[in-house]
Amino acid sequence: MQLFMAITIGVLFAGGTYLILRPNLIRIVMGFGLYSNGTNLLLIACGGYVTDGEAPFMTDGVDLNTRFDPLPPDIILTAIVISFAVAALFLTLCYRVYLDQHTDNPDQLPNHEDPESIPGLAAGDEPNGPIPAPADAHGH
C-alpha cells in the first residue's frame, strides 16, 4: 500500500509540474490542483494511513496502539477547502485576463516593465499614465 501511495504521489507531482510549465493559464491552474491533491495524499501517507484503526474514543480494555489519529484527516479536509477556494480565485482571474487581453498564453500578455510590449502605448509614455506632480505646501 505504501508503494502504491508513493507512486501515485509521484505521478501527481510530475503531472502538476508538466502542466505548470505549459504556456496556458488554465493548465497552470490545473497543475496547482494536481499539486494540491498530491500534497493531500502525502499528508495521508505521512499521517499513518491504516485500514484497521478504531475510532479515537477511550473505553476500558482497548489497546491504545490500534487508535486512529484524527488530526491528519482534519488537516487534509481544511486543505481541500482552501485549495478549492484558491482554484476558484485563479479560474476567475484567468477568465478576466482572457476577456481583457484576448489570450490565455502568459508569454503574449503585456509586460508593464517593458513599455514596448503594451499595444497602443507610444515610446516614452508611462504604462500607468502620467505621473502627477507633487503638491506644494498650499495644495497647489
C-alpha atoms as a PDB file:
ATOM      1  CA  MET A   1       0.000   0.000   0.000  1.00  0.00           C
ATOM      2  CA  GLN A   2       2.852   2.402   0.783  1.00  0.00           C
ATOM      3  CA  LEU A   3       4.442   1.783  -2.623  1.00  0.00           C
ATOM      4  CA  PHE A   4       1.138   2.474  -4.373  1.00  0.00           C
ATOM      5  CA  MET A   5       0.724   5.753  -2.453  1.00  0.00           C
ATOM      6  CA  ALA A   6       4.320   6.785  -3.242  1.00  0.00           C
ATOM      7  CA  ILE A   7       3.844   6.100  -6.962  1.00  0.00           C
ATOM      8  CA  THR A   8       0.519   7.959  -7.013  1.00  0.00           C
ATOM      9  CA  ILE A   9       2.013  10.970  -5.222  1.00  0.00           C
ATOM     10  CA  GLY A  10       4.954  10.993  -7.653  1.00  0.00           C
ATOM     11  CA  VAL A  11       2.631  10.858 -10.673  1.00  0.00           C
ATOM     12  CA  LEU A  12       0.517  13.724  -9.317  1.00  0.00           C
ATOM     13  CA  PHE A  13       3.558  15.918  -8.690  1.00  0.00           C
ATOM     14  CA  ALA A  14       5.042  15.043 -12.105  1.00  0.00           C
ATOM     15  CA  GLY A  15       1.753  15.829 -13.848  1.00  0.00           C
ATOM     16  CA  GLY A  16       1.437  19.087 -11.913  1.00  0.00           C
ATOM     17  CA  THR A  17       4.951  20.114 -12.885  1.00  0.00           C
ATOM     18  CA  TYR A  18       4.268  19.293 -16.543  1.00  0.00           C
ATOM     19  CA  LEU A  19       1.057  21.353 -16.557  1.00  0.00           C
ATOM     20  CA  ILE A  20       2.614  24.335 -14.777  1.00  0.00           C
ATOM     21  CA  LEU A  21       5.362  24.515 -17.401  1.00  0.00           C
ATOM     22  CA  ARG A  22       2.853  24.688 -20.301  1.00  0.00           C
ATOM     23  CA  PRO A  23       2.093  28.177 -21.719  1.00  0.00           C
ATOM     24  CA  ASN A  24      -1.617  28.235 -20.846  1.00  0.00           C
ATOM     25  CA  LEU A  25      -3.233  29.831 -17.785  1.00  0.00           C
ATOM     26  CA  ILE A  26      -5.888  27.112 -17.377  1.00  0.00           C
ATOM     27  CA  ARG A  27      -3.242  24.384 -17.434  1.00  0.00           C
ATOM     28  CA  ILE A  28      -1.282  26.251 -14.781  1.00  0.00           C
ATOM     29  CA  VAL A  29      -4.364  26.247 -12.535  1.00  0.00           C
ATOM     30  CA  MET A  30      -4.858  22.528 -13.226  1.00  0.00           C
ATOM     31  CA  GLY A  31      -1.195  21.918 -12.333  1.00  0.00           C
ATOM     32  CA  PHE A  32      -1.675  23.651  -8.992  1.00  0.00           C
ATOM     33  CA  GLY A  33      -4.731  21.446  -8.432  1.00  0.00           C
ATOM     34  CA  LEU A  34      -2.626  18.338  -9.019  1.00  0.00           C
ATOM     35  CA  TYR A  35      -0.003  19.691  -6.610  1.00  0.00           C
ATOM     36  CA  SER A  36      -2.735  20.194  -4.020  1.00  0.00           C
ATOM     37  CA  ASN A  37      -4.068  16.650  -4.412  1.00  0.00           C
ATOM     38  CA  GLY A  38      -0.543  15.226  -4.293  1.00  0.00           C
ATOM     39  CA  THR A  39       0.133  17.137  -1.086  1.00  0.00           C
ATOM     40  CA  ASN A  40      -3.095  15.833   0.446  1.00  0.00           C
ATOM     41  CA  LEU A  41      -2.101  12.255  -0.375  1.00  0.00           C
ATOM     42  CA  LEU A  42       1.343  12.936   1.061  1.00  0.00           C
ATOM     43  CA  LEU A  43      -0.270  14.095   4.305  1.00  0.00           C
ATOM     44  CA  ILE A  44      -2.380  10.933   4.385  1.00  0.00           C
ATOM     45  CA  ALA A  45       0.700   8.761   3.866  1.00  0.00           C
ATOM     46  CA  CYS A  46       2.724  10.637   6.497  1.00  0.00           C
ATOM     47  CA  GLY A  47      -0.168  10.580   8.953  1.00  0.00           C
ATOM     48  CA  GLY A  48      -0.080   6.802   9.183  1.00  0.00           C
ATOM     49  CA  TYR A  49      -2.873   5.513   6.973  1.00  0.00           C
ATOM     50  CA  VAL A  50      -4.278   2.313   8.486  1.00  0.00           C
ATOM     51  CA  THR A  51      -7.332   0.359   7.413  1.00  0.00           C
ATOM     52  CA  ASP A  52      -7.924  -1.446  10.708  1.00  0.00           C
ATOM     53  CA  GLY A  53      -7.792   1.579  13.036  1.00  0.00           C
ATOM     54  CA  GLU A  54     -10.567   2.189  15.534  1.00  0.00           C
ATOM     55  CA  ALA A  55     -12.370   5.391  16.447  1.00  0.00           C
ATOM     56  CA  PRO A  56     -10.435   7.624  18.854  1.00  0.00           C
ATOM     57  CA  PHE A  57     -12.836   7.136  21.777  1.00  0.00           C
ATOM     58  CA  MET A  58     -11.482   5.923  25.084  1.00  0.00           C
ATOM     59  CA  THR A  59     -13.076   2.848  26.636  1.00  0.00           C
ATOM     60  CA  ASP A  60     -11.750   0.413  29.183  1.00  0.00           C
ATOM     61  CA  GLY A  61      -9.790  -2.593  27.985  1.00  0.00           C
ATOM     62  CA  VAL A  62      -8.933  -1.326  24.474  1.00  0.00           C
ATOM     63  CA  ASP A  63      -5.376  -1.304  23.102  1.00  0.00           C
ATOM     64  CA  LEU A  64      -4.181   2.269  22.555  1.00  0.00           C
ATOM     65  CA  ASN A  65      -1.949   1.250  19.619  1.00  0.00           C
ATOM     66  CA  THR A  66      -4.961   0.492  17.419  1.00  0.00           C
ATOM     67  CA  ARG A  67      -6.418   4.003  17.699  1.00  0.00           C
ATOM     68  CA  PHE A  68      -6.814   6.124  14.591  1.00  0.00           C
ATOM     69  CA  ASP A  69      -5.242   9.617  14.765  1.00  0.00           C
ATOM     70  CA  PRO A  70      -7.959  12.149  13.811  1.00  0.00           C
ATOM     71  CA  LEU A  71      -5.596  15.090  13.194  1.00  0.00           C
ATOM     72  CA  PRO A  72      -4.308  14.269   9.640  1.00  0.00           C
ATOM     73  CA  PRO A  73      -7.822  13.886   8.134  1.00  0.00           C
ATOM     74  CA  ASP A  74      -8.867  17.172   9.732  1.00  0.00           C
ATOM     75  CA  ILE A  75      -5.852  18.978   8.286  1.00  0.00           C
ATOM     76  CA  ILE A  76      -6.494  17.423   4.875  1.00  0.00           C
ATOM     77  CA  LEU A  77     -10.151  18.468   4.942  1.00  0.00           C
ATOM     78  CA  THR A  78      -9.092  22.043   5.662  1.00  0.00           C
ATOM     79  CA  ALA A  79      -6.508  21.871   2.849  1.00  0.00           C
ATOM     80  CA  ILE A  80      -9.174  20.632   0.403  1.00  0.00           C
ATOM     81  CA  VAL A  81     -11.459  23.575   1.211  1.00  0.00           C
ATOM     82  CA  ILE A  82      -8.623  26.088   0.884  1.00  0.00           C
ATOM     83  CA  SER A  83      -7.399  24.599  -2.416  1.00  0.00           C
ATOM     84  CA  PHE A  84     -10.948  24.740  -3.811  1.00  0.00           C
ATOM     85  CA  ALA A  85     -11.202  28.438  -2.914  1.00  0.00           C
ATOM     86  CA  VAL A  86      -7.785  29.206  -4.407  1.00  0.00           C
ATOM     87  CA  ALA A  87      -8.665  27.310  -7.603  1.00  0.00           C
ATOM     88  CA  ALA A  88     -11.920  29.285  -7.920  1.00  0.00           C
ATOM     89  CA  LEU A  89      -9.997  32.545  -7.492  1.00  0.00           C
ATOM     90  CA  PHE A  90      -7.358  31.519 -10.054  1.00  0.00           C
ATOM     91  CA  LEU A  91     -10.008  30.484 -12.593  1.00  0.00           C
ATOM     92  CA  THR A  92     -11.810  33.814 -12.128  1.00  0.00           C
ATOM     93  CA  LEU A  93      -8.543  35.677 -12.691  1.00  0.00           C
ATOM     94  CA  CYS A  94      -7.819  33.600 -15.800  1.00  0.00           C
ATOM     95  CA  TYR A  95     -11.268  34.429 -17.175  1.00  0.00           C
ATOM     96  CA  ARG A  96     -10.781  38.157 -16.571  1.00  0.00           C
ATOM     97  CA  VAL A  97      -7.326  38.100 -18.170  1.00  0.00           C
ATOM     98  CA  TYR A  98      -8.774  36.324 -21.209  1.00  0.00           C
ATOM     99  CA  LEU A  99     -11.597  38.876 -21.511  1.00  0.00           C
ATOM    100  CA  ASP A 100      -9.192  41.816 -21.223  1.00  0.00           C
ATOM    101  CA  GLN A 101      -6.247  40.534 -23.288  1.00  0.00           C
ATOM    102  CA  HIS A 102      -7.938  38.003 -25.660  1.00  0.00           C
ATOM    103  CA  THR A 103      -5.295  35.375 -24.900  1.00  0.00           C
ATOM    104  CA  ASP A 104      -4.529  32.830 -22.211  1.00  0.00           C
ATOM    105  CA  ASN A 105      -0.868  32.485 -23.137  1.00  0.00           C
ATOM    106  CA  PRO A 106       1.278  34.119 -20.415  1.00  0.00           C
ATOM    107  CA  ASP A 107       4.039  34.833 -22.966  1.00  0.00           C
ATOM    108  CA  GLN A 108       1.683  37.021 -25.017  1.00  0.00           C
ATOM    109  CA  LEU A 109       0.452  39.129 -22.096  1.00  0.00           C
ATOM    110  CA  PRO A 110       1.790  42.693 -21.898  1.00  0.00           C
ATOM    111  CA  ASN A 111       4.751  43.252 -19.620  1.00  0.00           C
ATOM    112  CA  HIS A 112       4.450  46.516 -17.690  1.00  0.00           C
ATOM    113  CA  GLU A 113       8.196  46.591 -17.117  1.00  0.00           C
ATOM    114  CA  ASP A 114       8.693  46.730 -20.899  1.00  0.00           C
ATOM    115  CA  PRO A 115       6.542  49.598 -22.288  1.00  0.00           C
ATOM    116  CA  GLU A 116       7.110  48.477 -25.902  1.00  0.00           C
ATOM    117  CA  SER A 117       5.114  45.293 -25.225  1.00  0.00           C
ATOM    118  CA  ILE A 118       1.936  47.249 -24.419  1.00  0.00           C
ATOM    119  CA  PRO A 119      -0.148  47.843 -27.568  1.00  0.00           C
ATOM    120  CA  GLY A 120      -1.191  51.469 -28.181  1.00  0.00           C
ATOM    121  CA  LEU A 121       1.487  52.927 -25.921  1.00  0.00           C
ATOM    122  CA  ALA A 122       3.824  55.455 -27.533  1.00  0.00           C
ATOM    123  CA  ALA A 123       7.531  55.312 -26.815  1.00  0.00           C
ATOM    124  CA  GLY A 124       8.400  57.270 -23.688  1.00  0.00           C
ATOM    125  CA  ASP A 125       4.871  57.174 -22.232  1.00  0.00           C
ATOM    126  CA  GLU A 126       4.318  55.824 -18.747  1.00  0.00           C
ATOM    127  CA  PRO A 127       2.408  52.495 -18.749  1.00  0.00           C
ATOM    128  CA  ASN A 128       0.080  53.627 -15.945  1.00  0.00           C
ATOM    129  CA  GLY A 129      -0.437  57.181 -17.169  1.00  0.00           C
ATOM    130  CA  PRO A 130       1.419  60.395 -16.429  1.00  0.00           C
ATOM    131  CA  ILE A 131       2.982  60.786 -13.025  1.00  0.00           C
ATOM    132  CA  PRO A 132       1.281  63.672 -11.183  1.00  0.00           C
ATOM    133  CA  ALA A 133       3.467  66.478  -9.915  1.00  0.00           C
ATOM    134  CA  PRO A 134       3.773  66.692  -6.142  1.00  0.00           C
ATOM    135  CA  ALA A 135       1.641  69.332  -4.470  1.00  0.00           C
ATOM    136  CA  ASP A 136       3.288  72.174  -2.602  1.00  0.00           C
ATOM    137  CA  ALA A 137       2.530  73.112   0.997  1.00  0.00           C
ATOM    138  CA  HIS A 138      -0.637  75.029  -0.032  1.00  0.00           C
ATOM    139  CA  GLY A 139      -2.111  72.121  -2.042  1.00  0.00           C
ATOM    140  CA  HIS A 140      -1.434  73.731  -5.470  1.00  0.00           C
END
